[in-house]
mmCIF file of all heavy atoms, coordinates in Angstrom:
data_MODEL
# 
_entry.id   MODEL 
# 
loop_
_atom_site.group_PDB 
_atom_site.id 
_atom_site.type_symbol 
_atom_site.label_atom_id 
_atom_site.label_alt_id 
_atom_site.label_comp_id 
_atom_site.label_asym_id 
_atom_site.label_entity_id 
_atom_site.label_seq_id 
_atom_site.pdbx_PDB_ins_code 
_atom_site.Cartn_x 
_atom_site.Cartn_y 
_atom_site.Cartn_z 
_atom_site.occupancy 
_atom_site.B_iso_or_equiv 
_atom_site.pdbx_formal_charge 
_atom_site.auth_seq_id 
_atom_site.auth_comp_id 
_atom_site.auth_asym_id 
_atom_site.auth_atom_id 
_atom_site.pdbx_PDB_model_num 
ATOM 1   N N   . LYS A 1 1  ? 220.422 153.847 -186.105 1.00 0.00 ? 1  LYS A N   1 
ATOM 2   C CA  . LYS A 1 1  ? 220.962 154.100 -184.733 1.00 0.00 ? 1  LYS A CA  1 
ATOM 3   C C   . LYS A 1 1  ? 221.004 155.626 -184.577 1.00 0.00 ? 1  LYS A C   1 
ATOM 4   O O   . LYS A 1 1  ? 221.517 156.378 -185.362 1.00 0.00 ? 1  LYS A O   1 
ATOM 5   C CB  . LYS A 1 1  ? 222.297 153.500 -184.625 1.00 0.00 ? 1  LYS A CB  1 
ATOM 6   C CG  . LYS A 1 1  ? 222.345 152.021 -184.817 1.00 0.00 ? 1  LYS A CG  1 
ATOM 7   C CD  . LYS A 1 1  ? 223.568 151.454 -184.384 1.00 0.00 ? 1  LYS A CD  1 
ATOM 8   C CE  . LYS A 1 1  ? 223.475 149.835 -184.418 1.00 0.00 ? 1  LYS A CE  1 
ATOM 9   N NZ  . LYS A 1 1  ? 224.264 149.309 -183.441 1.00 0.00 ? 1  LYS A NZ  1 
ATOM 10  N N   . ARG A 1 2  ? 220.392 156.048 -183.358 1.00 0.00 ? 2  ARG A N   1 
ATOM 11  C CA  . ARG A 1 2  ? 220.425 157.461 -183.064 1.00 0.00 ? 2  ARG A CA  1 
ATOM 12  C C   . ARG A 1 2  ? 221.174 157.705 -181.782 1.00 0.00 ? 2  ARG A C   1 
ATOM 13  O O   . ARG A 1 2  ? 221.203 156.877 -180.931 1.00 0.00 ? 2  ARG A O   1 
ATOM 14  C CB  . ARG A 1 2  ? 218.975 157.955 -182.870 1.00 0.00 ? 2  ARG A CB  1 
ATOM 15  C CG  . ARG A 1 2  ? 218.258 158.196 -184.137 1.00 0.00 ? 2  ARG A CG  1 
ATOM 16  C CD  . ARG A 1 2  ? 216.909 158.831 -183.921 1.00 0.00 ? 2  ARG A CD  1 
ATOM 17  N NE  . ARG A 1 2  ? 216.252 159.142 -185.093 1.00 0.00 ? 2  ARG A NE  1 
ATOM 18  C CZ  . ARG A 1 2  ? 215.465 158.304 -185.769 1.00 0.00 ? 2  ARG A CZ  1 
ATOM 19  N NH1 . ARG A 1 2  ? 215.434 157.012 -185.246 1.00 0.00 ? 2  ARG A NH1 1 
ATOM 20  N NH2 . ARG A 1 2  ? 214.851 158.544 -186.874 1.00 0.00 ? 2  ARG A NH2 1 
ATOM 21  N N   . GLY A 1 3  ? 221.698 158.890 -181.680 1.00 0.00 ? 3  GLY A N   1 
ATOM 22  C CA  . GLY A 1 3  ? 222.352 159.279 -180.404 1.00 0.00 ? 3  GLY A CA  1 
ATOM 23  C C   . GLY A 1 3  ? 222.825 160.683 -180.502 1.00 0.00 ? 3  GLY A C   1 
ATOM 24  O O   . GLY A 1 3  ? 222.891 161.312 -181.557 1.00 0.00 ? 3  GLY A O   1 
ATOM 25  N N   . VAL A 1 4  ? 223.129 161.192 -179.323 1.00 0.00 ? 4  VAL A N   1 
ATOM 26  C CA  . VAL A 1 4  ? 223.645 162.546 -179.135 1.00 0.00 ? 4  VAL A CA  1 
ATOM 27  C C   . VAL A 1 4  ? 225.108 162.436 -178.931 1.00 0.00 ? 4  VAL A C   1 
ATOM 28  O O   . VAL A 1 4  ? 225.618 161.638 -178.113 1.00 0.00 ? 4  VAL A O   1 
ATOM 29  C CB  . VAL A 1 4  ? 223.093 163.284 -177.923 1.00 0.00 ? 4  VAL A CB  1 
ATOM 30  C CG1 . VAL A 1 4  ? 223.749 164.632 -177.778 1.00 0.00 ? 4  VAL A CG1 1 
ATOM 31  C CG2 . VAL A 1 4  ? 221.550 163.538 -178.185 1.00 0.00 ? 4  VAL A CG2 1 
ATOM 32  N N   . TYR A 1 5  ? 225.937 163.004 -179.895 1.00 0.00 ? 5  TYR A N   1 
ATOM 33  C CA  . TYR A 1 5  ? 227.375 162.799 -179.920 1.00 0.00 ? 5  TYR A CA  1 
ATOM 34  C C   . TYR A 1 5  ? 228.070 164.149 -179.667 1.00 0.00 ? 5  TYR A C   1 
ATOM 35  O O   . TYR A 1 5  ? 227.606 165.141 -180.152 1.00 0.00 ? 5  TYR A O   1 
ATOM 36  C CB  . TYR A 1 5  ? 227.807 162.215 -181.278 1.00 0.00 ? 5  TYR A CB  1 
ATOM 37  C CG  . TYR A 1 5  ? 227.341 160.823 -181.573 1.00 0.00 ? 5  TYR A CG  1 
ATOM 38  C CD1 . TYR A 1 5  ? 226.092 160.604 -182.105 1.00 0.00 ? 5  TYR A CD1 1 
ATOM 39  C CD2 . TYR A 1 5  ? 228.120 159.734 -181.121 1.00 0.00 ? 5  TYR A CD2 1 
ATOM 40  C CE1 . TYR A 1 5  ? 225.654 159.343 -182.341 1.00 0.00 ? 5  TYR A CE1 1 
ATOM 41  C CE2 . TYR A 1 5  ? 227.671 158.435 -181.363 1.00 0.00 ? 5  TYR A CE2 1 
ATOM 42  C CZ  . TYR A 1 5  ? 226.479 158.269 -182.000 1.00 0.00 ? 5  TYR A CZ  1 
ATOM 43  O OH  . TYR A 1 5  ? 226.020 156.938 -182.203 1.00 0.00 ? 5  TYR A OH  1 
ATOM 44  N N   . GLU A 1 6  ? 229.210 164.051 -178.990 1.00 0.00 ? 6  GLU A N   1 
ATOM 45  C CA  . GLU A 1 6  ? 230.024 165.208 -178.757 1.00 0.00 ? 6  GLU A CA  1 
ATOM 46  C C   . GLU A 1 6  ? 230.710 165.648 -180.079 1.00 0.00 ? 6  GLU A C   1 
ATOM 47  O O   . GLU A 1 6  ? 230.838 164.817 -181.006 1.00 0.00 ? 6  GLU A O   1 
ATOM 48  C CB  . GLU A 1 6  ? 231.136 164.948 -177.680 1.00 0.00 ? 6  GLU A CB  1 
ATOM 49  C CG  . GLU A 1 6  ? 230.543 164.658 -176.314 1.00 0.00 ? 6  GLU A CG  1 
ATOM 50  C CD  . GLU A 1 6  ? 229.903 165.824 -175.698 1.00 0.00 ? 6  GLU A CD  1 
ATOM 51  O OE1 . GLU A 1 6  ? 230.361 167.027 -175.912 1.00 0.00 ? 6  GLU A OE1 1 
ATOM 52  O OE2 . GLU A 1 6  ? 228.920 165.590 -174.962 1.00 0.00 ? 6  GLU A OE2 1 
ATOM 53  N N   . LYS A 1 7  ? 231.186 166.859 -180.123 1.00 0.00 ? 7  LYS A N   1 
ATOM 54  C CA  . LYS A 1 7  ? 231.953 167.313 -181.320 1.00 0.00 ? 7  LYS A CA  1 
ATOM 55  C C   . LYS A 1 7  ? 233.161 166.365 -181.417 1.00 0.00 ? 7  LYS A C   1 
ATOM 56  O O   . LYS A 1 7  ? 233.886 165.969 -180.506 1.00 0.00 ? 7  LYS A O   1 
ATOM 57  C CB  . LYS A 1 7  ? 232.486 168.721 -181.040 1.00 0.00 ? 7  LYS A CB  1 
ATOM 58  C CG  . LYS A 1 7  ? 233.504 169.220 -181.988 1.00 0.00 ? 7  LYS A CG  1 
ATOM 59  C CD  . LYS A 1 7  ? 233.974 170.561 -181.490 1.00 0.00 ? 7  LYS A CD  1 
ATOM 60  C CE  . LYS A 1 7  ? 235.111 171.089 -182.418 1.00 0.00 ? 7  LYS A CE  1 
ATOM 61  N NZ  . LYS A 1 7  ? 235.564 172.400 -182.059 1.00 0.00 ? 7  LYS A NZ  1 
ATOM 62  N N   . GLY A 1 8  ? 233.567 166.070 -182.668 1.00 0.00 ? 8  GLY A N   1 
ATOM 63  C CA  . GLY A 1 8  ? 234.723 165.265 -182.985 1.00 0.00 ? 8  GLY A CA  1 
ATOM 64  C C   . GLY A 1 8  ? 234.460 164.035 -183.769 1.00 0.00 ? 8  GLY A C   1 
ATOM 65  O O   . GLY A 1 8  ? 233.377 163.873 -184.412 1.00 0.00 ? 8  GLY A O   1 
ATOM 66  N N   . MET A 1 9  ? 235.350 163.113 -183.728 1.00 0.00 ? 9  MET A N   1 
ATOM 67  C CA  . MET A 1 9  ? 235.336 161.867 -184.426 1.00 0.00 ? 9  MET A CA  1 
ATOM 68  C C   . MET A 1 9  ? 234.665 160.754 -183.585 1.00 0.00 ? 9  MET A C   1 
ATOM 69  O O   . MET A 1 9  ? 234.898 160.562 -182.457 1.00 0.00 ? 9  MET A O   1 
ATOM 70  C CB  . MET A 1 9  ? 236.789 161.450 -184.776 1.00 0.00 ? 9  MET A CB  1 
ATOM 71  C CG  . MET A 1 9  ? 237.012 160.115 -185.482 1.00 0.00 ? 9  MET A CG  1 
ATOM 72  S SD  . MET A 1 9  ? 236.541 160.126 -187.161 1.00 0.00 ? 9  MET A SD  1 
ATOM 73  C CE  . MET A 1 9  ? 236.708 158.388 -187.534 1.00 0.00 ? 9  MET A CE  1 
ATOM 74  N N   . HIS A 1 10 ? 233.820 159.899 -184.330 1.00 0.00 ? 10 HIS A N   1 
ATOM 75  C CA  . HIS A 1 10 ? 233.101 158.832 -183.731 1.00 0.00 ? 10 HIS A CA  1 
ATOM 76  C C   . HIS A 1 10 ? 233.186 157.558 -184.653 1.00 0.00 ? 10 HIS A C   1 
ATOM 77  O O   . HIS A 1 10 ? 233.278 157.776 -185.774 1.00 0.00 ? 10 HIS A O   1 
ATOM 78  C CB  . HIS A 1 10 ? 231.708 159.230 -183.457 1.00 0.00 ? 10 HIS A CB  1 
ATOM 79  C CG  . HIS A 1 10 ? 231.607 160.430 -182.477 1.00 0.00 ? 10 HIS A CG  1 
ATOM 80  N ND1 . HIS A 1 10 ? 231.705 160.383 -181.165 1.00 0.00 ? 10 HIS A ND1 1 
ATOM 81  C CD2 . HIS A 1 10 ? 231.392 161.703 -182.826 1.00 0.00 ? 10 HIS A CD2 1 
ATOM 82  C CE1 . HIS A 1 10 ? 231.632 161.581 -180.653 1.00 0.00 ? 10 HIS A CE1 1 
ATOM 83  N NE2 . HIS A 1 10 ? 231.467 162.453 -181.683 1.00 0.00 ? 10 HIS A NE2 1 
ATOM 84  N N   . LYS A 1 11 ? 233.039 156.445 -183.966 1.00 0.00 ? 11 LYS A N   1 
ATOM 85  C CA  . LYS A 1 11 ? 232.973 155.195 -184.778 1.00 0.00 ? 11 LYS A CA  1 
ATOM 86  C C   . LYS A 1 11 ? 231.746 154.375 -184.215 1.00 0.00 ? 11 LYS A C   1 
ATOM 87  O O   . LYS A 1 11 ? 231.586 154.269 -182.991 1.00 0.00 ? 11 LYS A O   1 
ATOM 88  C CB  . LYS A 1 11 ? 234.216 154.429 -184.646 1.00 0.00 ? 11 LYS A CB  1 
ATOM 89  C CG  . LYS A 1 11 ? 235.364 154.971 -185.415 1.00 0.00 ? 11 LYS A CG  1 
ATOM 90  C CD  . LYS A 1 11 ? 236.555 154.077 -185.357 1.00 0.00 ? 11 LYS A CD  1 
ATOM 91  C CE  . LYS A 1 11 ? 237.685 154.687 -186.157 1.00 0.00 ? 11 LYS A CE  1 
ATOM 92  N NZ  . LYS A 1 11 ? 238.881 153.927 -186.183 1.00 0.00 ? 11 LYS A NZ  1 
ATOM 93  N N   . LEU A 1 12 ? 230.939 153.869 -185.116 1.00 0.00 ? 12 LEU A N   1 
ATOM 94  C CA  . LEU A 1 12 ? 229.789 153.048 -184.811 1.00 0.00 ? 12 LEU A CA  1 
ATOM 95  C C   . LEU A 1 12 ? 230.036 151.703 -185.353 1.00 0.00 ? 12 LEU A C   1 
ATOM 96  O O   . LEU A 1 12 ? 230.268 151.499 -186.614 1.00 0.00 ? 12 LEU A O   1 
ATOM 97  C CB  . LEU A 1 12 ? 228.617 153.747 -185.373 1.00 0.00 ? 12 LEU A CB  1 
ATOM 98  C CG  . LEU A 1 12 ? 227.232 153.211 -185.080 1.00 0.00 ? 12 LEU A CG  1 
ATOM 99  C CD1 . LEU A 1 12 ? 227.014 153.342 -183.593 1.00 0.00 ? 12 LEU A CD1 1 
ATOM 100 C CD2 . LEU A 1 12 ? 226.171 153.993 -185.794 1.00 0.00 ? 12 LEU A CD2 1 
ATOM 101 N N   . GLU A 1 13 ? 229.957 150.644 -184.543 1.00 0.00 ? 13 GLU A N   1 
ATOM 102 C CA  . GLU A 1 13 ? 230.153 149.282 -185.001 1.00 0.00 ? 13 GLU A CA  1 
ATOM 103 C C   . GLU A 1 13 ? 228.760 148.716 -185.450 1.00 0.00 ? 13 GLU A C   1 
ATOM 104 O O   . GLU A 1 13 ? 227.820 148.826 -184.678 1.00 0.00 ? 13 GLU A O   1 
ATOM 105 C CB  . GLU A 1 13 ? 230.868 148.393 -183.942 1.00 0.00 ? 13 GLU A CB  1 
ATOM 106 C CG  . GLU A 1 13 ? 231.115 147.022 -184.562 1.00 0.00 ? 13 GLU A CG  1 
ATOM 107 C CD  . GLU A 1 13 ? 232.045 146.188 -183.673 1.00 0.00 ? 13 GLU A CD  1 
ATOM 108 O OE1 . GLU A 1 13 ? 232.819 146.797 -182.880 1.00 0.00 ? 13 GLU A OE1 1 
ATOM 109 O OE2 . GLU A 1 13 ? 232.024 144.981 -183.846 1.00 0.00 ? 13 GLU A OE2 1 
ATOM 110 N N   . ILE A 1 14 ? 228.723 148.090 -186.562 1.00 0.00 ? 14 ILE A N   1 
ATOM 111 C CA  . ILE A 1 14 ? 227.542 147.486 -187.119 1.00 0.00 ? 14 ILE A CA  1 
ATOM 112 C C   . ILE A 1 14 ? 227.784 145.924 -187.213 1.00 0.00 ? 14 ILE A C   1 
ATOM 113 O O   . ILE A 1 14 ? 228.822 145.593 -187.882 1.00 0.00 ? 14 ILE A O   1 
ATOM 114 C CB  . ILE A 1 14 ? 227.168 148.006 -188.472 1.00 0.00 ? 14 ILE A CB  1 
ATOM 115 C CG1 . ILE A 1 14 ? 226.943 149.566 -188.449 1.00 0.00 ? 14 ILE A CG1 1 
ATOM 116 C CG2 . ILE A 1 14 ? 225.918 147.294 -189.022 1.00 0.00 ? 14 ILE A CG2 1 
ATOM 117 C CD1 . ILE A 1 14 ? 225.796 150.041 -187.597 1.00 0.00 ? 14 ILE A CD1 1 
ATOM 118 N N   . ASP A 1 15 ? 226.953 145.213 -186.597 1.00 0.00 ? 15 ASP A N   1 
ATOM 119 C CA  . ASP A 1 15 ? 227.127 143.714 -186.670 1.00 0.00 ? 15 ASP A CA  1 
ATOM 120 C C   . ASP A 1 15 ? 226.232 143.173 -187.687 1.00 0.00 ? 15 ASP A C   1 
ATOM 121 O O   . ASP A 1 15 ? 225.076 143.569 -187.784 1.00 0.00 ? 15 ASP A O   1 
ATOM 122 C CB  . ASP A 1 15 ? 226.833 143.164 -185.211 1.00 0.00 ? 15 ASP A CB  1 
ATOM 123 C CG  . ASP A 1 15 ? 227.268 141.619 -185.146 1.00 0.00 ? 15 ASP A CG  1 
ATOM 124 O OD1 . ASP A 1 15 ? 228.475 141.419 -184.918 1.00 0.00 ? 15 ASP A OD1 1 
ATOM 125 O OD2 . ASP A 1 15 ? 226.372 140.805 -185.378 1.00 0.00 ? 15 ASP A OD2 1 
ATOM 126 N N   . ARG A 1 16 ? 226.672 142.119 -188.321 1.00 0.00 ? 16 ARG A N   1 
ATOM 127 C CA  . ARG A 1 16 ? 225.943 141.493 -189.388 1.00 0.00 ? 16 ARG A CA  1 
ATOM 128 C C   . ARG A 1 16 ? 224.483 141.074 -188.918 1.00 0.00 ? 16 ARG A C   1 
ATOM 129 O O   . ARG A 1 16 ? 223.522 141.172 -189.649 1.00 0.00 ? 16 ARG A O   1 
ATOM 130 C CB  . ARG A 1 16 ? 226.694 140.248 -189.871 1.00 0.00 ? 16 ARG A CB  1 
ATOM 131 C CG  . ARG A 1 16 ? 225.873 139.431 -190.866 1.00 0.00 ? 16 ARG A CG  1 
ATOM 132 C CD  . ARG A 1 16 ? 226.578 138.020 -191.165 1.00 0.00 ? 16 ARG A CD  1 
ATOM 133 N NE  . ARG A 1 16 ? 226.177 137.647 -192.470 1.00 0.00 ? 16 ARG A NE  1 
ATOM 134 C CZ  . ARG A 1 16 ? 226.857 137.653 -193.627 1.00 0.00 ? 16 ARG A CZ  1 
ATOM 135 N NH1 . ARG A 1 16 ? 228.160 138.039 -193.600 1.00 0.00 ? 16 ARG A NH1 1 
ATOM 136 N NH2 . ARG A 1 16 ? 226.390 137.266 -194.730 1.00 0.00 ? 16 ARG A NH2 1 
ATOM 137 N N   . SER A 1 17 ? 224.434 140.574 -187.654 1.00 0.00 ? 17 SER A N   1 
ATOM 138 C CA  . SER A 1 17 ? 223.195 140.119 -187.141 1.00 0.00 ? 17 SER A CA  1 
ATOM 139 C C   . SER A 1 17 ? 222.100 141.191 -187.028 1.00 0.00 ? 17 SER A C   1 
ATOM 140 O O   . SER A 1 17 ? 220.904 140.934 -187.040 1.00 0.00 ? 17 SER A O   1 
ATOM 141 C CB  . SER A 1 17 ? 223.382 139.513 -185.750 1.00 0.00 ? 17 SER A CB  1 
ATOM 142 O OG  . SER A 1 17 ? 223.853 140.461 -184.858 1.00 0.00 ? 17 SER A OG  1 
ATOM 143 N N   . GLU A 1 18 ? 222.601 142.440 -187.023 1.00 0.00 ? 18 GLU A N   1 
ATOM 144 C CA  . GLU A 1 18 ? 221.644 143.573 -186.965 1.00 0.00 ? 18 GLU A CA  1 
ATOM 145 C C   . GLU A 1 18 ? 220.980 143.895 -188.305 1.00 0.00 ? 18 GLU A C   1 
ATOM 146 O O   . GLU A 1 18 ? 219.912 144.531 -188.370 1.00 0.00 ? 18 GLU A O   1 
ATOM 147 C CB  . GLU A 1 18 ? 222.378 144.851 -186.542 1.00 0.00 ? 18 GLU A CB  1 
ATOM 148 C CG  . GLU A 1 18 ? 222.989 144.833 -185.210 1.00 0.00 ? 18 GLU A CG  1 
ATOM 149 C CD  . GLU A 1 18 ? 223.689 146.133 -184.880 1.00 0.00 ? 18 GLU A CD  1 
ATOM 150 O OE1 . GLU A 1 18 ? 223.041 147.158 -184.635 1.00 0.00 ? 18 GLU A OE1 1 
ATOM 151 O OE2 . GLU A 1 18 ? 224.928 146.074 -184.892 1.00 0.00 ? 18 GLU A OE2 1 
ATOM 152 N N   . LEU A 1 19 ? 221.583 143.367 -189.367 1.00 0.00 ? 19 LEU A N   1 
ATOM 153 C CA  . LEU A 1 19 ? 221.190 143.792 -190.712 1.00 0.00 ? 19 LEU A CA  1 
ATOM 154 C C   . LEU A 1 19 ? 219.997 142.916 -191.275 1.00 0.00 ? 19 LEU A C   1 
ATOM 155 O O   . LEU A 1 19 ? 219.234 143.393 -192.149 1.00 0.00 ? 19 LEU A O   1 
ATOM 156 C CB  . LEU A 1 19 ? 222.397 143.721 -191.637 1.00 0.00 ? 19 LEU A CB  1 
ATOM 157 C CG  . LEU A 1 19 ? 223.527 144.674 -191.247 1.00 0.00 ? 19 LEU A CG  1 
ATOM 158 C CD1 . LEU A 1 19 ? 224.692 144.501 -192.136 1.00 0.00 ? 19 LEU A CD1 1 
ATOM 159 C CD2 . LEU A 1 19 ? 222.975 146.185 -191.191 1.00 0.00 ? 19 LEU A CD2 1 
ATOM 160 N N   . GLY A 1 20 ? 219.925 141.642 -190.950 1.00 0.00 ? 20 GLY A N   1 
ATOM 161 C CA  . GLY A 1 20 ? 218.900 140.801 -191.382 1.00 0.00 ? 20 GLY A CA  1 
ATOM 162 C C   . GLY A 1 20 ? 218.914 140.472 -192.885 1.00 0.00 ? 20 GLY A C   1 
ATOM 163 O O   . GLY A 1 20 ? 217.866 140.197 -193.503 1.00 0.00 ? 20 GLY A O   1 
ATOM 164 N N   . VAL A 1 21 ? 220.077 140.655 -193.543 1.00 0.00 ? 21 VAL A N   1 
ATOM 165 C CA  . VAL A 1 21 ? 220.193 140.317 -194.943 1.00 0.00 ? 21 VAL A CA  1 
ATOM 166 C C   . VAL A 1 21 ? 221.375 139.470 -195.095 1.00 0.00 ? 21 VAL A C   1 
ATOM 167 O O   . VAL A 1 21 ? 222.345 139.515 -194.303 1.00 0.00 ? 21 VAL A O   1 
ATOM 168 C CB  . VAL A 1 21 ? 220.338 141.598 -195.833 1.00 0.00 ? 21 VAL A CB  1 
ATOM 169 C CG1 . VAL A 1 21 ? 219.026 142.411 -195.857 1.00 0.00 ? 21 VAL A CG1 1 
ATOM 170 C CG2 . VAL A 1 21 ? 221.489 142.483 -195.476 1.00 0.00 ? 21 VAL A CG2 1 
ATOM 171 N N   . SER A 1 22 ? 221.440 138.617 -196.098 1.00 0.00 ? 22 SER A N   1 
ATOM 172 C CA  . SER A 1 22 ? 222.491 137.653 -196.221 1.00 0.00 ? 22 SER A CA  1 
ATOM 173 C C   . SER A 1 22 ? 223.764 138.198 -196.815 1.00 0.00 ? 22 SER A C   1 
ATOM 174 O O   . SER A 1 22 ? 224.886 137.958 -196.425 1.00 0.00 ? 22 SER A O   1 
ATOM 175 C CB  . SER A 1 22 ? 222.055 136.457 -197.040 1.00 0.00 ? 22 SER A CB  1 
ATOM 176 O OG  . SER A 1 22 ? 221.554 136.772 -198.287 1.00 0.00 ? 22 SER A OG  1 
ATOM 177 N N   . SER A 1 23 ? 223.638 138.999 -197.894 1.00 0.00 ? 23 SER A N   1 
ATOM 178 C CA  . SER A 1 23 ? 224.775 139.679 -198.466 1.00 0.00 ? 23 SER A CA  1 
ATOM 179 C C   . SER A 1 23 ? 224.306 140.668 -199.544 1.00 0.00 ? 23 SER A C   1 
ATOM 180 O O   . SER A 1 23 ? 223.118 140.810 -199.782 1.00 0.00 ? 23 SER A O   1 
ATOM 181 C CB  . SER A 1 23 ? 225.614 138.599 -199.212 1.00 0.00 ? 23 SER A CB  1 
ATOM 182 O OG  . SER A 1 23 ? 224.859 138.019 -200.264 1.00 0.00 ? 23 SER A OG  1 
ATOM 183 N N   . GLY A 1 24 ? 225.197 141.436 -200.042 1.00 0.00 ? 24 GLY A N   1 
ATOM 184 C CA  . GLY A 1 24 ? 224.874 142.462 -201.063 1.00 0.00 ? 24 GLY A CA  1 
ATOM 185 C C   . GLY A 1 24 ? 225.259 143.811 -200.743 1.00 0.00 ? 24 GLY A C   1 
ATOM 186 O O   . GLY A 1 24 ? 225.919 144.122 -199.774 1.00 0.00 ? 24 GLY A O   1 
ATOM 187 N N   . LEU A 1 25 ? 224.893 144.691 -201.623 1.00 0.00 ? 25 LEU A N   1 
ATOM 188 C CA  . LEU A 1 25 ? 225.224 146.110 -201.607 1.00 0.00 ? 25 LEU A CA  1 
ATOM 189 C C   . LEU A 1 25 ? 224.184 146.783 -200.714 1.00 0.00 ? 25 LEU A C   1 
ATOM 190 O O   . LEU A 1 25 ? 223.002 146.565 -200.719 1.00 0.00 ? 25 LEU A O   1 
ATOM 191 C CB  . LEU A 1 25 ? 225.136 146.745 -202.945 1.00 0.00 ? 25 LEU A CB  1 
ATOM 192 C CG  . LEU A 1 25 ? 225.338 148.255 -203.121 1.00 0.00 ? 25 LEU A CG  1 
ATOM 193 C CD1 . LEU A 1 25 ? 226.749 148.618 -202.716 1.00 0.00 ? 25 LEU A CD1 1 
ATOM 194 C CD2 . LEU A 1 25 ? 224.999 148.740 -204.478 1.00 0.00 ? 25 LEU A CD2 1 
ATOM 195 N N   . LEU A 1 26 ? 224.766 147.580 -199.719 1.00 0.00 ? 26 LEU A N   1 
ATOM 196 C CA  . LEU A 1 26 ? 223.979 148.321 -198.797 1.00 0.00 ? 26 LEU A CA  1 
ATOM 197 C C   . LEU A 1 26 ? 224.468 149.808 -198.830 1.00 0.00 ? 26 LEU A C   1 
ATOM 198 O O   . LEU A 1 26 ? 225.571 150.167 -199.327 1.00 0.00 ? 26 LEU A O   1 
ATOM 199 C CB  . LEU A 1 26 ? 224.186 147.799 -197.340 1.00 0.00 ? 26 LEU A CB  1 
ATOM 200 C CG  . LEU A 1 26 ? 223.809 146.354 -197.133 1.00 0.00 ? 26 LEU A CG  1 
ATOM 201 C CD1 . LEU A 1 26 ? 224.203 145.870 -195.734 1.00 0.00 ? 26 LEU A CD1 1 
ATOM 202 C CD2 . LEU A 1 26 ? 222.292 146.065 -197.329 1.00 0.00 ? 26 LEU A CD2 1 
ATOM 203 N N   . TYR A 1 27 ? 223.567 150.679 -198.407 1.00 0.00 ? 27 TYR A N   1 
ATOM 204 C CA  . TYR A 1 27 ? 223.874 152.128 -198.306 1.00 0.00 ? 27 TYR A CA  1 
ATOM 205 C C   . TYR A 1 27 ? 223.718 152.505 -196.843 1.00 0.00 ? 27 TYR A C   1 
ATOM 206 O O   . TYR A 1 27 ? 222.832 152.021 -196.122 1.00 0.00 ? 27 TYR A O   1 
ATOM 207 C CB  . TYR A 1 27 ? 222.808 152.936 -199.130 1.00 0.00 ? 27 TYR A CB  1 
ATOM 208 C CG  . TYR A 1 27 ? 222.970 152.608 -200.605 1.00 0.00 ? 27 TYR A CG  1 
ATOM 209 C CD1 . TYR A 1 27 ? 222.171 151.690 -201.198 1.00 0.00 ? 27 TYR A CD1 1 
ATOM 210 C CD2 . TYR A 1 27 ? 223.777 153.361 -201.439 1.00 0.00 ? 27 TYR A CD2 1 
ATOM 211 C CE1 . TYR A 1 27 ? 222.297 151.380 -202.540 1.00 0.00 ? 27 TYR A CE1 1 
ATOM 212 C CE2 . TYR A 1 27 ? 223.873 153.099 -202.748 1.00 0.00 ? 27 TYR A CE2 1 
ATOM 213 C CZ  . TYR A 1 27 ? 223.069 152.102 -203.280 1.00 0.00 ? 27 TYR A CZ  1 
ATOM 214 O OH  . TYR A 1 27 ? 223.242 151.846 -204.637 1.00 0.00 ? 27 TYR A OH  1 
ATOM 215 N N   . TYR A 1 28 ? 224.588 153.376 -196.404 1.00 0.00 ? 28 TYR A N   1 
ATOM 216 C CA  . TYR A 1 28 ? 224.471 153.931 -195.075 1.00 0.00 ? 28 TYR A CA  1 
ATOM 217 C C   . TYR A 1 28 ? 224.434 155.465 -195.140 1.00 0.00 ? 28 TYR A C   1 
ATOM 218 O O   . TYR A 1 28 ? 225.168 156.019 -195.976 1.00 0.00 ? 28 TYR A O   1 
ATOM 219 C CB  . TYR A 1 28 ? 225.463 153.465 -194.065 1.00 0.00 ? 28 TYR A CB  1 
ATOM 220 C CG  . TYR A 1 28 ? 226.947 153.691 -194.371 1.00 0.00 ? 28 TYR A CG  1 
ATOM 221 C CD1 . TYR A 1 28 ? 227.623 154.761 -193.843 1.00 0.00 ? 28 TYR A CD1 1 
ATOM 222 C CD2 . TYR A 1 28 ? 227.609 152.799 -195.335 1.00 0.00 ? 28 TYR A CD2 1 
ATOM 223 C CE1 . TYR A 1 28 ? 228.993 154.941 -194.164 1.00 0.00 ? 28 TYR A CE1 1 
ATOM 224 C CE2 . TYR A 1 28 ? 229.016 153.051 -195.658 1.00 0.00 ? 28 TYR A CE2 1 
ATOM 225 C CZ  . TYR A 1 28 ? 229.606 154.135 -195.000 1.00 0.00 ? 28 TYR A CZ  1 
ATOM 226 O OH  . TYR A 1 28 ? 230.918 154.374 -195.304 1.00 0.00 ? 28 TYR A OH  1 
# 
């Protein structure tokens, strides 16, 4: 996910359906 963000704190929500994997260890 890419974007231009303003200075400061941000939160990005990730939904399971976006990941295409059933379970396990992931890295972000």
